[in-house]
C-alpha atoms as a PDB file:
ATOM      1  CA  MET A   1       7.385  20.916  24.205  1.00  0.00           C
ATOM      2  CA  ARG A   2       5.550  22.621  21.579  1.00  0.00           C
ATOM      3  CA  PRO A   3       6.317  26.580  21.755  1.00  0.00           C
ATOM      4  CA  ALA A   4       3.824  28.610  23.495  1.00  0.00           C
ATOM      5  CA  GLU A   5       2.546  30.317  20.356  1.00  0.00           C
ATOM      6  CA  PRO A   6       2.555  29.192  16.852  1.00  0.00           C
ATOM      7  CA  LEU A   7       5.668  30.241  14.799  1.00  0.00           C
ATOM      8  CA  LYS A   8       5.954  31.830  11.532  1.00  0.00           C
ATOM      9  CA  LEU A   9       8.321  29.044   9.436  1.00  0.00           C
ATOM     10  CA  ALA A  10       9.219  28.710   5.800  1.00  0.00           C
ATOM     11  CA  VAL A  11       9.942  25.139   4.864  1.00  0.00           C
ATOM     12  CA  ALA A  12      12.174  23.632   1.905  1.00  0.00           C
ATOM     13  CA  ALA A  13      11.030  20.201   0.659  1.00  0.00           C
ATOM     14  CA  THR A  14      10.589  18.254  -2.219  1.00  0.00           C
ATOM     15  CA  ALA A  15      10.052  14.455  -1.539  1.00  0.00           C
ATOM     16  CA  PRO A  16       7.414  12.868   0.005  1.00  0.00           C
ATOM     17  CA  PHE A  17       9.332  13.031   3.453  1.00  0.00           C
ATOM     18  CA  GLY A  18       9.399  16.523   3.387  1.00  0.00           C
ATOM     19  CA  ALA A  19       5.846  16.719   2.410  1.00  0.00           C
ATOM     20  CA  ASP A  20       4.826  14.785   5.471  1.00  0.00           C
ATOM     21  CA  VAL A  21       7.136  17.243   7.743  1.00  0.00           C
ATOM     22  CA  LEU A  22       5.488  20.360   6.210  1.00  0.00           C
ATOM     23  CA  GLU A  23       1.905  19.242   6.597  1.00  0.00           C
ATOM     24  CA  ARG A  24       2.651  18.138  10.507  1.00  0.00           C
ATOM     25  CA  LEU A  25       4.144  21.377  10.817  1.00  0.00           C
ATOM     26  CA  ALA A  26       1.052  23.305   9.289  1.00  0.00           C
ATOM     27  CA  ALA A  27      -0.936  21.651  11.795  1.00  0.00           C
ATOM     28  CA  HIS A  28       0.233  24.057  14.713  1.00  0.00           C
ATOM     29  CA  HIS A  29       2.357  26.574  12.997  1.00  0.00           C
ATOM     30  CA  GLU A  30       1.842  29.280  10.372  1.00  0.00           C
ATOM     31  CA  ILE A  31       3.939  28.261   7.268  1.00  0.00           C
ATOM     32  CA  THR A  32       4.588  31.562   4.808  1.00  0.00           C
ATOM     33  CA  ALA A  33       5.788  29.743   2.224  1.00  0.00           C
ATOM     34  CA  LEU A  34       7.191  26.392   0.580  1.00  0.00           C
ATOM     35  CA  LEU A  35      10.699  26.277  -1.544  1.00  0.00           C
ATOM     36  CA  THR A  36      10.622  23.433  -3.650  1.00  0.00           C
ATOM     37  CA  ARG A  37      11.986  22.309  -6.869  1.00  0.00           C
ATOM     38  CA  PRO A  38      10.479  23.071 -10.685  1.00  0.00           C
ATOM     39  CA  ASP A  39       7.905  20.399 -11.680  1.00  0.00           C
ATOM     40  CA  ALA A  40       9.320  17.564 -13.384  1.00  0.00           C
ATOM     41  CA  PRO A  41       8.407  14.503 -15.400  1.00  0.00           C
ATOM     42  CA  ARG A  42       7.044  12.026 -13.012  1.00  0.00           C
ATOM     43  CA  GLY A  43       6.092   8.121 -13.195  1.00  0.00           C
ATOM     44  CA  ARG A  44       5.918   5.548 -15.983  1.00  0.00           C
ATOM     45  CA  GLY A  45       4.637   8.414 -18.348  1.00  0.00           C
ATOM     46  CA  ARG A  46       6.912  10.677 -17.497  1.00  0.00           C
ATOM     47  CA  ARG A  47       4.164  13.371 -17.460  1.00  0.00           C
ATOM     48  CA  THR A  48       5.487  16.895 -15.965  1.00  0.00           C
ATOM     49  CA  GLY A  49       4.033  16.614 -12.128  1.00  0.00           C
ATOM     50  CA  ALA A  50       4.418  18.885  -9.019  1.00  0.00           C
ATOM     51  CA  PRO A  51       6.629  17.912  -6.270  1.00  0.00           C
ATOM     52  CA  PRO A  52       4.987  15.864  -3.416  1.00  0.00           C
ATOM     53  CA  ALA A  53       5.688  19.108  -1.289  1.00  0.00           C
ATOM     54  CA  LYS A  54       3.841  21.362  -3.840  1.00  0.00           C
ATOM     55  CA  GLU A  55       0.719  19.290  -3.687  1.00  0.00           C
ATOM     56  CA  ILE A  56       0.171  19.666   0.030  1.00  0.00           C
ATOM     57  CA  ALA A  57       1.458  23.126   0.063  1.00  0.00           C
ATOM     58  CA  GLU A  58      -1.168  24.014  -2.474  1.00  0.00           C
ATOM     59  CA  ARG A  59      -3.931  21.993  -0.595  1.00  0.00           C
ATOM     60  CA  LEU A  60      -3.313  24.068   2.318  1.00  0.00           C
ATOM     61  CA  GLY A  61      -3.273  27.340   0.904  1.00  0.00           C
ATOM     62  CA  ILE A  62       0.477  28.028   1.389  1.00  0.00           C
ATOM     63  CA  PRO A  63       2.384  30.214  -0.941  1.00  0.00           C
ATOM     64  CA  VAL A  64       4.749  28.196  -3.441  1.00  0.00           C
ATOM     65  CA  LEU A  65       8.292  28.974  -5.094  1.00  0.00           C
ATOM     66  CA  GLN A  66      10.104  26.885  -7.380  1.00  0.00           C
ATOM     67  CA  PRO A  67      13.355  28.381  -8.736  1.00  0.00           C
ATOM     68  CA  THR A  68      15.844  26.416 -10.254  1.00  0.00           C
ATOM     69  CA  ARG A  69      18.369  27.174  -7.883  1.00  0.00           C
ATOM     70  CA  PRO A  70      17.592  29.282  -4.859  1.00  0.00           C
ATOM     71  CA  GLU A  71      19.143  32.896  -4.993  1.00  0.00           C
ATOM     72  CA  PRO A  72      19.741  35.675  -2.610  1.00  0.00           C
ATOM     73  CA  GLY A  73      16.540  37.877  -1.602  1.00  0.00           C
ATOM     74  CA  LEU A  74      13.851  35.087  -1.582  1.00  0.00           C
ATOM     75  CA  ASP A  75      10.839  36.255  -0.604  1.00  0.00           C
ATOM     76  CA  LEU A  76       9.828  33.382   2.029  1.00  0.00           C
ATOM     77  CA  GLY A  77       8.581  35.582   4.733  1.00  0.00           C
ATOM     78  CA  ALA A  78       9.961  34.072   7.664  1.00  0.00           C
ATOM     79  CA  ASP A  79      13.171  34.083   9.800  1.00  0.00           C
ATOM     80  CA  THR A  80      13.461  30.543   9.890  1.00  0.00           C
ATOM     81  CA  VAL A  81      13.129  28.118   6.951  1.00  0.00           C
ATOM     82  CA  ILE A  82      12.813  24.266   7.867  1.00  0.00           C
ATOM     83  CA  VAL A  83      14.930  21.906   5.146  1.00  0.00           C
ATOM     84  CA  ALA A  84      13.345  18.331   4.676  1.00  0.00           C
ATOM     85  CA  ALA A  85      14.532  16.548   1.533  1.00  0.00           C
ATOM     86  CA  TYR A  86      14.426  19.917  -0.558  1.00  0.00           C
ATOM     87  CA  GLY A  87      17.147  18.130  -2.881  1.00  0.00           C
ATOM     88  CA  LEU A  88      19.079  21.269  -4.183  1.00  0.00           C
ATOM     89  CA  LEU A  89      22.272  22.612  -2.920  1.00  0.00           C
ATOM     90  CA  ILE A  90      21.461  26.140  -0.834  1.00  0.00           C
ATOM     91  CA  PRO A  91      24.318  28.680  -1.448  1.00  0.00           C
ATOM     92  CA  GLU A  92      26.061  30.180   1.296  1.00  0.00           C
ATOM     93  CA  ASP A  93      25.010  33.634   0.320  1.00  0.00           C
ATOM     94  CA  VAL A  94      21.422  32.476   0.585  1.00  0.00           C
ATOM     95  CA  LEU A  95      22.223  30.617   4.019  1.00  0.00           C
ATOM     96  CA  SER A  96      23.469  33.613   5.460  1.00  0.00           C
ATOM     97  CA  GLU A  97      20.409  35.506   5.008  1.00  0.00           C
ATOM     98  CA  ARG A  98      18.305  33.638   7.650  1.00  0.00           C
ATOM     99  CA  LEU A  99      18.190  30.621   9.768  1.00  0.00           C
ATOM    100  CA  TRP A 100      18.107  27.190   8.171  1.00  0.00           C
ATOM    101  CA  LEU A 101      17.451  24.287   9.910  1.00  0.00           C
ATOM    102  CA  ASN A 102      17.707  20.574   8.076  1.00  0.00           C
ATOM    103  CA  VAL A 103      15.643  17.824   9.035  1.00  0.00           C
ATOM    104  CA  HIS A 104      18.119  14.734   8.269  1.00  0.00           C
ATOM    105  CA  PRO A 105      16.083  11.067   9.336  1.00  0.00           C
ATOM    106  CA  SER A 106      19.598   9.568  10.454  1.00  0.00           C
ATOM    107  CA  LEU A 107      21.865  10.017  13.750  1.00  0.00           C
ATOM    108  CA  LEU A 108      24.059  11.997  12.132  1.00  0.00           C
ATOM    109  CA  PRO A 109      27.428  11.877  11.724  1.00  0.00           C
ATOM    110  CA  ARG A 110      26.129   8.337  10.553  1.00  0.00           C
ATOM    111  CA  TRP A 111      24.652   8.342   7.136  1.00  0.00           C
ATOM    112  CA  ARG A 112      24.934  11.723   6.148  1.00  0.00           C
ATOM    113  CA  GLY A 113      23.626  12.015   2.531  1.00  0.00           C
ATOM    114  CA  ALA A 114      20.872  11.425   0.164  1.00  0.00           C
ATOM    115  CA  ALA A 115      19.573   7.981   1.130  1.00  0.00           C
ATOM    116  CA  PRO A 116      19.819   8.073   5.111  1.00  0.00           C
ATOM    117  CA  VAL A 117      16.826   5.613   5.620  1.00  0.00           C
ATOM    118  CA  GLU A 118      17.380   3.351   2.994  1.00  0.00           C
ATOM    119  CA  ARG A 119      21.232   2.823   3.730  1.00  0.00           C
ATOM    120  CA  THR A 120      20.059   2.487   7.542  1.00  0.00           C
ATOM    121  CA  ILE A 121      18.004  -0.366   6.755  1.00  0.00           C
ATOM    122  CA  MET A 122      20.379  -1.903   4.158  1.00  0.00           C
ATOM    123  CA  ALA A 123      23.127  -1.888   6.716  1.00  0.00           C
ATOM    124  CA  GLY A 124      20.966  -3.964   9.085  1.00  0.00           C
ATOM    125  CA  ASP A 125      20.895  -1.138  11.857  1.00  0.00           C
ATOM    126  CA  THR A 126      18.060  -1.593  14.869  1.00  0.00           C
ATOM    127  CA  GLU A 127      17.889   2.067  15.611  1.00  0.00           C
ATOM    128  CA  THR A 128      17.793   5.118  13.891  1.00  0.00           C
ATOM    129  CA  GLY A 129      16.514   8.681  14.384  1.00  0.00           C
ATOM    130  CA  VAL A 130      16.317  12.198  13.189  1.00  0.00           C
ATOM    131  CA  THR A 131      18.660  15.179  13.354  1.00  0.00           C
ATOM    132  CA  ILE A 132      17.726  18.816  13.634  1.00  0.00           C
ATOM    133  CA  HIS A 133      21.140  20.821  12.488  1.00  0.00           C
ATOM    134  CA  ARG A 134      21.979  24.040  11.221  1.00  0.00           C
ATOM    135  CA  THR A 135      22.447  23.844   6.988  1.00  0.00           C
ATOM    136  CA  VAL A 136      25.875  24.603   6.025  1.00  0.00           C
ATOM    137  CA  LYS A 137      27.838  24.153   2.806  1.00  0.00           C
ATOM    138  CA  GLU A 138      29.378  20.626   3.706  1.00  0.00           C
ATOM    139  CA  LEU A 139      26.712  18.037   3.589  1.00  0.00           C
ATOM    140  CA  ASP A 140      24.800  17.364   6.443  1.00  0.00           C
ATOM    141  CA  ALA A 141      27.534  18.460   8.653  1.00  0.00           C
ATOM    142  CA  GLY A 142      26.242  21.486  10.420  1.00  0.00           C
ATOM    143  CA  PRO A 143      25.892  21.842  14.275  1.00  0.00           C
ATOM    144  CA  ILE A 144      23.391  20.087  15.958  1.00  0.00           C
ATOM    145  CA  ALA A 145      20.409  21.451  17.668  1.00  0.00           C
ATOM    146  CA  ALA A 146      18.415  18.546  18.648  1.00  0.00           C
ATOM    147  CA  GLN A 147      18.527  14.691  18.066  1.00  0.00           C
ATOM    148  CA  GLY A 148      16.037  11.812  18.888  1.00  0.00           C
ATOM    149  CA  SER A 149      15.945   7.906  18.319  1.00  0.00           C
ATOM    150  CA  PHE A 150      13.915   4.988  17.879  1.00  0.00           C
ATOM    151  CA  PRO A 151      14.208   1.306  17.063  1.00  0.00           C
ATOM    152  CA  ILE A 152      13.523  -0.352  13.868  1.00  0.00           C
ATOM    153  CA  GLY A 153      11.117  -2.902  14.087  1.00  0.00           C
ATOM    154  CA  GLU A 154      11.930  -6.071  12.251  1.00  0.00           C
ATOM    155  CA  ARG A 155       8.895  -5.544   9.777  1.00  0.00           C
ATOM    156  CA  ASP A 156       9.716  -1.772   9.345  1.00  0.00           C
ATOM    157  CA  ASP A 157       9.931  -0.913   5.756  1.00  0.00           C
ATOM    158  CA  ALA A 158      11.395   2.581   4.725  1.00  0.00           C
ATOM    159  CA  GLY A 159       7.736   3.711   4.365  1.00  0.00           C
ATOM    160  CA  VAL A 160       7.479   3.206   8.093  1.00  0.00           C
ATOM    161  CA  VAL A 161      10.545   5.049   8.995  1.00  0.00           C
ATOM    162  CA  TYR A 162      10.139   8.033   7.156  1.00  0.00           C
ATOM    163  CA  ALA A 163       6.681   8.131   8.979  1.00  0.00           C
ATOM    164  CA  LYS A 164       8.393   7.785  12.176  1.00  0.00           C
ATOM    165  CA  SER A 165      10.998  10.003  11.390  1.00  0.00           C
ATOM    166  CA  ALA A 166       8.532  12.745  10.242  1.00  0.00           C
ATOM    167  CA  GLU A 167       7.003  12.689  13.523  1.00  0.00           C
ATOM    168  CA  LEU A 168       9.655  12.803  15.809  1.00  0.00           C
ATOM    169  CA  ALA A 169      10.949  15.482  13.777  1.00  0.00           C
ATOM    170  CA  VAL A 170       8.054  18.079  14.380  1.00  0.00           C
ATOM    171  CA  ASP A 171       8.470  17.142  18.019  1.00  0.00           C
ATOM    172  CA  LEU A 172      12.118  17.608  17.839  1.00  0.00           C
ATOM    173  CA  LEU A 173      11.880  21.137  16.188  1.00  0.00           C
ATOM    174  CA  ASP A 174       8.813  21.910  18.675  1.00  0.00           C
ATOM    175  CA  ALA A 175      11.628  21.432  21.454  1.00  0.00           C
ATOM    176  CA  VAL A 176      14.066  23.820  20.232  1.00  0.00           C
ATOM    177  CA  LEU A 177      11.936  26.420  18.572  1.00  0.00           C
ATOM    178  CA  PRO A 178      12.054  29.326  18.555  1.00  0.00           C
ATOM    179  CA  GLU A 179      15.737  29.783  19.572  1.00  0.00           C
ATOM    180  CA  PRO A 180      18.077  26.629  18.977  1.00  0.00           C
ATOM    181  CA  ALA A 181      21.295  26.217  20.676  1.00  0.00           C
ATOM    182  CA  PHE A 182      24.101  24.076  18.640  1.00  0.00           C
ATOM    183  CA  THR A 183      26.471  21.908  19.230  1.00  0.00           C
ATOM    184  CA  PRO A 184      29.234  20.616  16.647  1.00  0.00           C
ATOM    185  CA  GLN A 185      29.289  17.114  15.194  1.00  0.00           C
ATOM    186  CA  ASP A 186      31.658  15.049  15.738  1.00  0.00           C
ATOM    187  CA  GLU A 187      33.191  13.938  12.643  1.00  0.00           C
ATOM    188  CA  GLU A 188      34.777  10.318  13.788  1.00  0.00           C
ATOM    189  CA  GLY A 189      32.186   7.822  13.098  1.00  0.00           C
ATOM    190  CA  ALA A 190      30.676   9.406   9.777  1.00  0.00           C
ATOM    191  CA  THR A 191      29.419   7.514   7.547  1.00  0.00           C
ATOM    192  CA  TYR A 192      27.849   8.182   3.941  1.00  0.00           C
ATOM    193  CA  ALA A 193      24.487   7.220   2.387  1.00  0.00           C
ATOM    194  CA  GLU A 194      24.597   7.232  -1.269  1.00  0.00           C
ATOM    195  CA  LYS A 195      22.323   7.685  -3.597  1.00  0.00           C
ATOM    196  CA  ILE A 196      20.232   4.580  -4.335  1.00  0.00           C
ATOM    197  CA  THR A 197      21.188   3.102  -7.818  1.00  0.00           C
ATOM    198  CA  ALA A 198      20.141   0.699 -10.332  1.00  0.00           C
ATOM    199  CA  THR A 199      22.599  -1.329  -9.127  1.00  0.00           C
ATOM    200  CA  ASP A 200      21.493  -1.275  -5.500  1.00  0.00           C
ATOM    201  CA  ARG A 201      18.032  -2.323  -6.377  1.00  0.00           C
ATOM    202  CA  GLU A 202      19.302  -5.773  -7.870  1.00  0.00           C
ATOM    203  CA  LEU A 203      19.276  -8.661  -5.371  1.00  0.00           C
ATOM    204  CA  ASP A 204      22.124 -10.725  -5.151  1.00  0.00           C
ATOM    205  CA  TRP A 205      21.199 -14.263  -4.370  1.00  0.00           C
ATOM    206  CA  SER A 206      24.396 -15.340  -2.912  1.00  0.00           C
ATOM    207  CA  SER A 207      23.769 -12.697   0.098  1.00  0.00           C
ATOM    208  CA  SER A 208      22.295 -14.232   3.282  1.00  0.00           C
ATOM    209  CA  PRO A 209      18.369 -14.304   3.433  1.00  0.00           C
ATOM    210  CA  ASP A 210      18.607 -11.311   6.147  1.00  0.00           C
ATOM    211  CA  GLU A 211      20.639  -9.573   3.899  1.00  0.00           C
ATOM    212  CA  LEU A 212      18.390  -9.628   1.002  1.00  0.00           C
ATOM    213  CA  LEU A 213      15.349  -8.830   3.400  1.00  0.00           C
ATOM    214  CA  ASN A 214      17.082  -5.737   4.454  1.00  0.00           C
ATOM    215  CA  ARG A 215      17.428  -4.658   0.631  1.00  0.00           C
ATOM    216  CA  ILE A 216      13.936  -5.313  -0.003  1.00  0.00           C
ATOM    217  CA  ARG A 217      12.577  -3.505   3.302  1.00  0.00           C
ATOM    218  CA  ALA A 218      14.663  -0.602   2.417  1.00  0.00           C
ATOM    219  CA  LEU A 219      13.668  -0.231  -1.061  1.00  0.00           C
ATOM    220  CA  SER A 220       9.909  -0.563   0.137  1.00  0.00           C
ATOM    221  CA  PRO A 221       7.395   1.023  -0.714  1.00  0.00           C
ATOM    222  CA  HIS A 222       8.740   3.289  -3.188  1.00  0.00           C
ATOM    223  CA  ILE A 223      11.716   2.002  -5.116  1.00  0.00           C
ATOM    224  CA  GLY A 224      11.550  -1.619  -5.117  1.00  0.00           C
ATOM    225  CA  ALA A 225      14.158  -4.370  -5.400  1.00  0.00           C
ATOM    226  CA  ARG A 226      14.522  -6.273  -8.584  1.00  0.00           C
ATOM    227  CA  ALA A 227      14.927  -9.745  -9.398  1.00  0.00           C
ATOM    228  CA  GLU A 228      14.409 -12.846 -11.598  1.00  0.00           C
ATOM    229  CA  LEU A 229      12.025 -15.499 -10.278  1.00  0.00           C
ATOM    230  CA  ASP A 230      10.881 -18.112 -11.688  1.00  0.00           C
ATOM    231  CA  GLY A 231      12.128 -16.671 -15.327  1.00  0.00           C
ATOM    232  CA  ARG A 232      10.420 -13.436 -15.272  1.00  0.00           C
ATOM    233  CA  PRO A 233      11.938 -10.245 -14.074  1.00  0.00           C
ATOM    234  CA  VAL A 234       9.927  -9.041 -10.901  1.00  0.00           C
ATOM    235  CA  THR A 235      10.079  -6.252  -8.336  1.00  0.00           C
ATOM    236  CA  ILE A 236       9.815  -7.460  -4.833  1.00  0.00           C
ATOM    237  CA  TRP A 237       8.099  -5.064  -2.447  1.00  0.00           C
ATOM    238  CA  LYS A 238       7.426  -7.365   0.480  1.00  0.00           C
ATOM    239  CA  ALA A 239       9.151 -10.584   1.900  1.00  0.00           C
ATOM    240  CA  ARG A 240       9.770 -12.508   5.121  1.00  0.00           C
ATOM    241  CA  VAL A 241      12.732 -15.202   5.891  1.00  0.00           C
ATOM    242  CA  ALA A 242      11.302 -18.574   6.896  1.00  0.00           C
ATOM    243  CA  GLY A 243      13.326 -21.675   7.446  1.00  0.00           C
ATOM    244  CA  ALA A 244      16.565 -20.030   6.332  1.00  0.00           C
ATOM    245  CA  ARG A 245      15.295 -18.946   3.095  1.00  0.00           C
ATOM    246  CA  LEU A 246      14.106 -15.796   1.722  1.00  0.00           C
ATOM    247  CA  GLU A 247      10.013 -16.039   0.986  1.00  0.00           C
ATOM    248  CA  PRO A 248       8.518 -13.321  -1.341  1.00  0.00           C
ATOM    249  CA  LEU A 249       5.202 -12.046  -0.321  1.00  0.00           C
ATOM    250  CA  GLU A 250       4.273  -9.337  -2.800  1.00  0.00           C
ATOM    251  CA  VAL A 251       5.919  -9.037  -6.285  1.00  0.00           C
ATOM    252  CA  GLN A 252       5.060  -7.129  -9.342  1.00  0.00           C
ATOM    253  CA  PRO A 253       5.995  -8.647 -12.823  1.00  0.00           C
ATOM    254  CA  ASP A 254       7.048  -6.070 -14.988  1.00  0.00           C
ATOM    255  CA  GLY A 255       3.982  -4.697 -17.084  1.00  0.00           C
ATOM    256  CA  LYS A 256       1.556  -6.025 -14.254  1.00  0.00           C
ATOM    257  CA  ARG A 257       0.368  -4.956 -10.986  1.00  0.00           C
ATOM    258  CA  ARG A 258       1.324  -5.723  -7.324  1.00  0.00           C
ATOM    259  CA  MET A 259       0.136  -9.124  -6.197  1.00  0.00           C
ATOM    260  CA  THR A 260       0.616 -11.565  -3.925  1.00  0.00           C
ATOM    261  CA  TYR A 261       3.406 -14.282  -4.660  1.00  0.00           C
ATOM    262  CA  ASP A 262       0.843 -17.034  -4.535  1.00  0.00           C
ATOM    263  CA  GLU A 263      -1.209 -15.014  -7.108  1.00  0.00           C
ATOM    264  CA  PHE A 264       2.048 -14.678  -9.463  1.00  0.00           C
ATOM    265  CA  GLN A 265       2.890 -18.305  -9.103  1.00  0.00           C
ATOM    266  CA  ARG A 266      -0.803 -19.231 -10.152  1.00  0.00           C
ATOM    267  CA  GLY A 267      -0.209 -17.217 -12.772  1.00  0.00           C
ATOM    268  CA  LEU A 268       2.833 -19.249 -13.950  1.00  0.00           C
ATOM    269  CA  ARG A 269       0.912 -22.363 -14.343  1.00  0.00           C
END
């Protein structure tokens, strides 16, 4: 249920998921400011670039703040801040100045931490969702205002799950704003979604085909799983399980464009 009147909200976001939530909120609320991380080197050329959320904010004419560390007295223009993939610790003295609501793409307390969508898919979970909770000092441990779930399709990769999560997040926020009520989290069953490392990207061919596929889905389309195929190092973006074997569908040899696996094999001849 959408609030009867558009609300004044600030948003703290950096990564693409946060940018998606920002754009969806801006479609029917007044976003007074975006709090995001400073510009940083991006991509293969390591050129300094704006965070994805900043790019959305500038296109929509939303004021942008980019402190290296949030400090008390931020001029955000709203009493409520929606946090979505911001990526910086918000100190307690800053949290005490207004209501900060975190959008977390998992069914808390399962998968607290930096990579909930990726870890959800890697684990083979068939269901996930979004939790709206008060931002507190402890990692993703604040009391819950709203939670909703959806199934993970067999072919859904992280990009699909993030998009579904952003859509659900805005629906949940609309249902509880402007005056959310909170329920403490159950600490039992808490699991942690550690940040994705280079080791996480490497495919272990001794794993089952389903485990390999889950890892590829979890890292697509934004990170990519790494492996050696036919003696060449590649990133595998898409695959399927056929005949009890993992079958690559879309790969990217180092230094080359993405291509179908058939194109890759033809290039080896």
